[in-house]
Amino acid sequence: MTRVALVTGGGRGIGRAIALALARAGCAVAVAARSRDQVEAVAAETRALGAHALALTLDVSDPASIETTVKSVTTVLGPVDVLVNNAGIAESAPLAKTGPALWERHFRINVTGPYLLTREVLPGMLERRWGRIVNVASLAGLVGSPYVTAYTASKHALVGFTRALATEVDGKGVTVNALCPGFAATDLVWNSARNIAAKTGQSFDDAVRAMAELNPGRRLIAPDEVADAAVRLLDEGAASGEAIVMDGSAPRGRT
């Protein structure tokens, strides 16, 4: 039986890696993000692996966009069996400069988006007695860091949502888990390094190394590591309610 997966934020980085890994695992994959060009490219890569794929433009901050996306996936590929809530934002500012708009934006995208998507697909999963919900959180969902109060609070909320829902659906064939990577080799780190370099005069490479060393394993997390962890959660007997730490302390490819 082919499982149908929906991956948000699937146009690049961790989302792209997860989409491709799910395709290799035999899933039909809907790749959704705001950038049409990016999701089309990833969907093409997915088809090249022999999987059915669908590219969709999705804004997780827009309830209407979420509803339309889930309906499109169901119509073209079938009901969603695997939901990967990967889309998110991360902006830094000291609390005094963290205005209500920035705060609300983080919660709308990092928490409310996953809540609305899950609410759309969960009834079908429960009816079929099989489903996998994977929330891509962050180490910031488990610990505190300065200058990212909105991001950290939103990721803590996503981990809390994961644990609460896992308890609610326990024994009903649906698992709910959170992946919590540290700084990863993605555009988020590259863009942050450019900003640090511009503001401090530090070189781009030094800024990247500094962020890598903030991970307990003193290295960046590879997107494929996160993708492999997501695929393992599809297994029968997979845990539920876990916040899976990916801090670089394990060898590459293992968590």
Protein backbone atom coordinates (compact mmCIF):
# COMPACT_ATOMS: atom_id res chain seq x y z
CA MET A 1 0.00 0.00 0.00
CA THR A 2 1.37 3.40 -0.99
CA ARG A 3 1.24 5.96 1.79
CA VAL A 4 0.56 9.59 0.92
CA ALA A 5 2.78 12.20 2.54
CA LEU A 6 2.38 15.97 2.72
CA VAL A 7 5.57 17.91 3.48
CA THR A 8 5.29 21.63 4.23
CA GLY A 9 8.26 23.89 3.69
CA GLY A 10 9.29 21.24 1.20
CA GLY A 11 11.01 23.43 -1.35
CA ARG A 12 14.48 23.43 0.18
CA GLY A 13 16.68 22.39 3.09
CA ILE A 14 15.24 19.94 5.58
CA GLY A 15 11.83 19.86 3.88
CA ARG A 16 13.37 18.91 0.54
CA ALA A 17 15.48 16.21 2.18
CA ILE A 18 12.43 14.75 3.93
CA ALA A 19 10.35 14.78 0.73
CA LEU A 20 13.03 12.87 -1.17
CA ALA A 21 13.58 10.41 1.69
CA LEU A 22 9.85 9.68 1.88
CA ALA A 23 9.80 9.09 -1.88
CA ARG A 24 12.67 6.60 -1.53
CA ALA A 25 10.67 4.91 1.24
CA GLY A 26 7.80 4.34 -1.20
CA CYS A 27 5.47 7.22 -0.38
CA ALA A 28 3.61 9.42 -2.81
CA VAL A 29 4.67 12.92 -1.84
CA ALA A 30 2.95 16.31 -1.96
CA VAL A 31 5.58 19.04 -1.71
CA ALA A 32 4.15 22.31 -0.42
CA ALA A 33 5.70 25.72 0.21
CA ARG A 34 5.24 29.37 -0.72
CA SER A 35 7.72 29.28 -3.62
CA ARG A 36 6.21 27.61 -6.68
CA ASP A 37 9.54 27.22 -8.48
CA GLN A 38 11.12 25.43 -5.53
CA VAL A 39 8.30 22.96 -4.95
CA GLU A 40 8.11 22.20 -8.67
CA ALA A 41 11.83 21.41 -8.68
CA VAL A 42 11.58 19.12 -5.65
CA ALA A 43 8.51 17.39 -7.06
CA ALA A 44 10.47 16.72 -10.26
CA GLU A 45 13.30 15.21 -8.19
CA THR A 46 10.75 13.08 -6.39
CA ARG A 47 9.26 11.80 -9.65
CA ALA A 48 12.77 10.96 -10.86
CA LEU A 49 12.93 8.53 -7.93
CA GLY A 50 9.85 6.78 -9.28
CA ALA A 51 7.35 8.25 -6.84
CA HIS A 52 4.08 10.01 -7.51
CA ALA A 53 4.46 13.67 -6.60
CA LEU A 54 2.45 16.85 -6.43
CA ALA A 55 3.75 20.42 -6.14
CA LEU A 56 1.53 22.86 -4.26
CA THR A 57 1.80 26.49 -3.24
CA LEU A 58 0.97 26.76 0.45
CA ASP A 59 1.01 29.56 2.99
CA VAL A 60 0.66 27.88 6.40
CA SER A 61 -0.38 31.20 7.95
CA ASP A 62 -3.54 31.20 5.79
CA PRO A 63 -6.32 28.80 6.87
CA ALA A 64 -7.92 28.92 3.43
CA SER A 65 -4.63 27.95 1.79
CA ILE A 66 -4.30 25.01 4.19
CA GLU A 67 -7.81 23.76 3.46
CA THR A 68 -7.28 24.03 -0.32
CA THR A 69 -3.93 22.24 -0.11
CA VAL A 70 -5.27 19.27 1.82
CA LYS A 71 -8.22 18.95 -0.57
CA SER A 72 -5.85 19.01 -3.56
CA VAL A 73 -3.64 16.30 -2.09
CA THR A 74 -6.66 14.12 -1.31
CA THR A 75 -8.06 14.55 -4.82
CA VAL A 76 -4.83 13.87 -6.70
CA LEU A 77 -2.86 11.46 -4.51
CA GLY A 78 -5.33 10.29 -1.86
CA PRO A 79 -5.90 10.98 1.83
CA VAL A 80 -2.89 12.18 3.78
CA ASP A 81 -1.27 9.38 5.80
CA VAL A 82 1.94 11.21 6.73
CA LEU A 83 1.99 14.90 7.63
CA VAL A 84 5.35 16.60 8.05
CA ASN A 85 4.95 20.06 9.55
CA ASN A 86 8.29 21.52 8.52
CA ALA A 87 7.45 25.07 7.39
CA GLY A 88 8.64 27.66 9.87
CA ILE A 89 10.40 30.95 10.44
CA ALA A 90 13.17 32.12 12.74
CA GLU A 91 13.86 35.81 13.35
CA SER A 92 16.15 37.21 16.01
CA ALA A 93 15.72 40.31 18.14
CA PRO A 94 16.17 41.27 21.80
CA LEU A 95 12.89 41.18 23.69
CA ALA A 96 12.65 44.98 23.77
CA LYS A 97 12.60 44.96 19.97
CA THR A 98 10.33 41.90 19.66
CA GLY A 99 7.10 43.65 18.77
CA PRO A 100 3.66 42.05 18.71
CA ALA A 101 3.79 41.55 14.93
CA LEU A 102 7.04 39.55 15.09
CA TRP A 103 5.76 37.54 18.06
CA GLU A 104 2.42 36.75 16.43
CA ARG A 105 4.08 35.87 13.10
CA HIS A 106 6.18 33.18 14.77
CA PHE A 107 3.20 31.62 16.49
CA ARG A 108 1.00 31.86 13.40
CA ILE A 109 3.53 30.02 11.22
CA ASN A 110 5.37 27.77 13.68
CA VAL A 111 2.41 26.68 15.83
CA THR A 112 -0.98 27.60 14.40
CA GLY A 113 -0.05 26.34 10.92
CA PRO A 114 0.83 22.85 12.20
CA TYR A 115 -2.30 22.86 14.39
CA LEU A 116 -4.57 23.70 11.44
CA LEU A 117 -2.92 21.19 9.10
CA THR A 118 -3.09 18.45 11.70
CA ARG A 119 -6.72 19.23 12.41
CA GLU A 120 -7.50 18.86 8.69
CA VAL A 121 -5.90 15.42 8.27
CA LEU A 122 -6.27 13.80 11.69
CA PRO A 123 -9.92 12.67 11.38
CA GLY A 124 -9.08 10.60 8.29
CA MET A 125 -6.04 9.08 9.99
CA LEU A 126 -8.13 8.07 12.98
CA GLU A 127 -10.82 6.60 10.74
CA ARG A 128 -8.21 4.53 8.86
CA ARG A 129 -6.41 3.77 12.15
CA TRP A 130 -3.04 4.72 10.69
CA GLY A 131 -1.24 8.02 10.52
CA ARG A 132 2.07 9.71 11.17
CA ILE A 133 2.42 13.35 12.22
CA VAL A 134 5.99 14.64 12.31
CA ASN A 135 6.56 18.15 13.61
CA VAL A 136 9.94 19.66 12.81
CA ALA A 137 10.68 21.66 15.95
CA SER A 138 14.16 22.58 17.15
CA LEU A 139 16.56 22.28 20.05
CA ALA A 140 15.13 25.73 20.79
CA GLY A 141 11.91 23.90 21.64
CA LEU A 142 13.68 22.29 24.58
CA VAL A 143 16.16 24.91 25.81
CA GLY A 144 16.40 28.68 25.94
CA SER A 145 18.63 30.99 23.93
CA PRO A 146 19.02 34.78 23.97
CA TYR A 147 17.59 37.09 21.30
CA VAL A 148 15.13 34.51 19.92
CA THR A 149 12.31 34.63 22.46
CA ALA A 150 9.53 34.47 19.85
CA TYR A 151 11.14 31.59 17.97
CA THR A 152 11.99 29.69 21.16
CA ALA A 153 8.54 30.15 22.66
CA SER A 154 6.86 29.01 19.44
CA LYS A 155 9.01 25.89 19.19
CA HIS A 156 8.34 25.06 22.85
CA ALA A 157 4.64 25.36 22.00
CA LEU A 158 5.07 23.00 19.03
CA VAL A 159 6.75 20.39 21.25
CA GLY A 160 3.94 20.78 23.80
CA PHE A 161 1.35 20.35 21.04
CA THR A 162 3.15 17.19 19.93
CA ARG A 163 3.18 15.64 23.38
CA ALA A 164 -0.44 16.53 24.16
CA LEU A 165 -1.80 15.20 20.87
CA ALA A 166 0.26 12.02 21.12
CA THR A 167 -1.46 11.32 24.43
CA GLU A 168 -4.87 12.08 22.94
CA VAL A 169 -4.49 9.62 20.05
CA ASP A 170 -2.59 6.93 21.93
CA GLY A 171 -3.71 3.44 20.90
CA LYS A 172 -5.58 4.68 17.82
CA GLY A 173 -2.96 3.91 15.17
CA VAL A 174 -1.62 7.45 14.90
CA THR A 175 1.76 8.59 16.19
CA VAL A 176 2.82 12.18 16.79
CA ASN A 177 6.47 13.11 17.22
CA ALA A 178 8.76 16.14 17.08
CA LEU A 179 12.22 16.30 15.56
CA CYS A 180 14.46 18.76 17.38
CA PRO A 181 17.58 19.54 15.35
CA GLY A 182 20.13 22.12 16.36
CA PHE A 183 21.74 24.45 13.83
CA ALA A 184 21.54 22.68 10.48
CA ALA A 185 23.26 23.08 7.14
CA THR A 186 20.40 25.04 5.58
CA ASP A 187 19.62 28.52 4.29
CA LEU A 188 18.65 29.60 7.82
CA VAL A 189 22.26 29.18 8.96
CA TRP A 190 23.75 30.61 5.76
CA ASN A 191 21.53 33.71 5.97
CA SER A 192 22.25 34.14 9.68
CA ALA A 193 25.98 33.88 8.98
CA ARG A 194 25.72 36.59 6.32
CA ASN A 195 23.90 38.85 8.78
CA ILE A 196 26.50 38.23 11.48
CA ALA A 197 29.31 38.93 9.03
CA ALA A 198 27.68 42.16 7.89
CA LYS A 199 27.10 43.41 11.43
CA THR A 200 30.34 42.31 13.09
CA GLY A 201 32.97 42.17 10.36
CA GLN A 202 33.47 38.48 11.15
CA SER A 203 33.99 36.30 8.07
CA PHE A 204 31.11 34.19 6.74
CA ASP A 205 33.03 30.96 7.41
CA ASP A 206 33.85 32.00 10.97
CA ALA A 207 30.21 32.85 11.60
CA VAL A 208 29.12 29.43 10.33
CA ARG A 209 31.72 27.71 12.51
CA ALA A 210 30.54 29.69 15.53
CA MET A 211 26.95 28.50 15.03
CA ALA A 212 28.09 24.92 14.47
CA GLU A 213 29.98 25.02 17.77
CA LEU A 214 26.79 26.01 19.58
CA ASN A 215 25.50 22.50 18.88
CA PRO A 216 26.64 20.06 21.58
CA GLY A 217 28.30 17.96 18.88
CA ARG A 218 30.10 21.07 17.58
CA ARG A 219 28.95 20.48 14.01
CA LEU A 220 26.00 21.40 11.81
CA ILE A 221 23.20 18.89 11.39
CA ALA A 222 22.85 17.57 7.83
CA PRO A 223 19.31 17.78 6.39
CA ASP A 224 19.55 14.10 5.43
CA GLU A 225 20.00 13.21 9.10
CA VAL A 226 16.67 14.83 9.91
CA ALA A 227 15.08 13.17 6.89
CA ASP A 228 16.29 9.72 7.95
CA ALA A 229 14.83 10.26 11.41
CA ALA A 230 11.49 11.25 9.87
CA VAL A 231 11.38 8.10 7.74
CA ARG A 232 12.10 5.89 10.75
CA LEU A 233 8.97 7.27 12.39
CA LEU A 234 6.89 5.57 9.68
CA ASP A 235 7.79 2.13 11.06
CA GLU A 236 5.15 0.05 12.75
CA GLY A 237 5.83 0.20 16.45
CA ALA A 238 7.44 3.64 16.18
CA ALA A 239 7.39 5.69 19.35
CA SER A 240 4.88 8.48 19.88
CA GLY A 241 5.10 11.70 21.86
CA GLU A 242 8.87 11.89 21.48
CA ALA A 243 10.93 15.05 21.12
CA ILE A 244 13.88 13.56 19.25
CA VAL A 245 17.07 15.49 19.96
CA MET A 246 19.45 15.95 17.05
CA ASP A 247 22.35 17.97 18.39
CA GLY A 248 25.28 16.61 16.39
CA SER A 249 26.60 14.50 19.24
CA ALA A 250 25.76 11.26 17.42
CA PRO A 251 27.75 10.20 14.33
CA ARG A 252 26.34 11.50 11.07
CA GLY A 253 23.35 9.47 9.92
CA ARG A 254 22.46 8.28 13.44
CA THR A 255 20.19 9.81 16.09
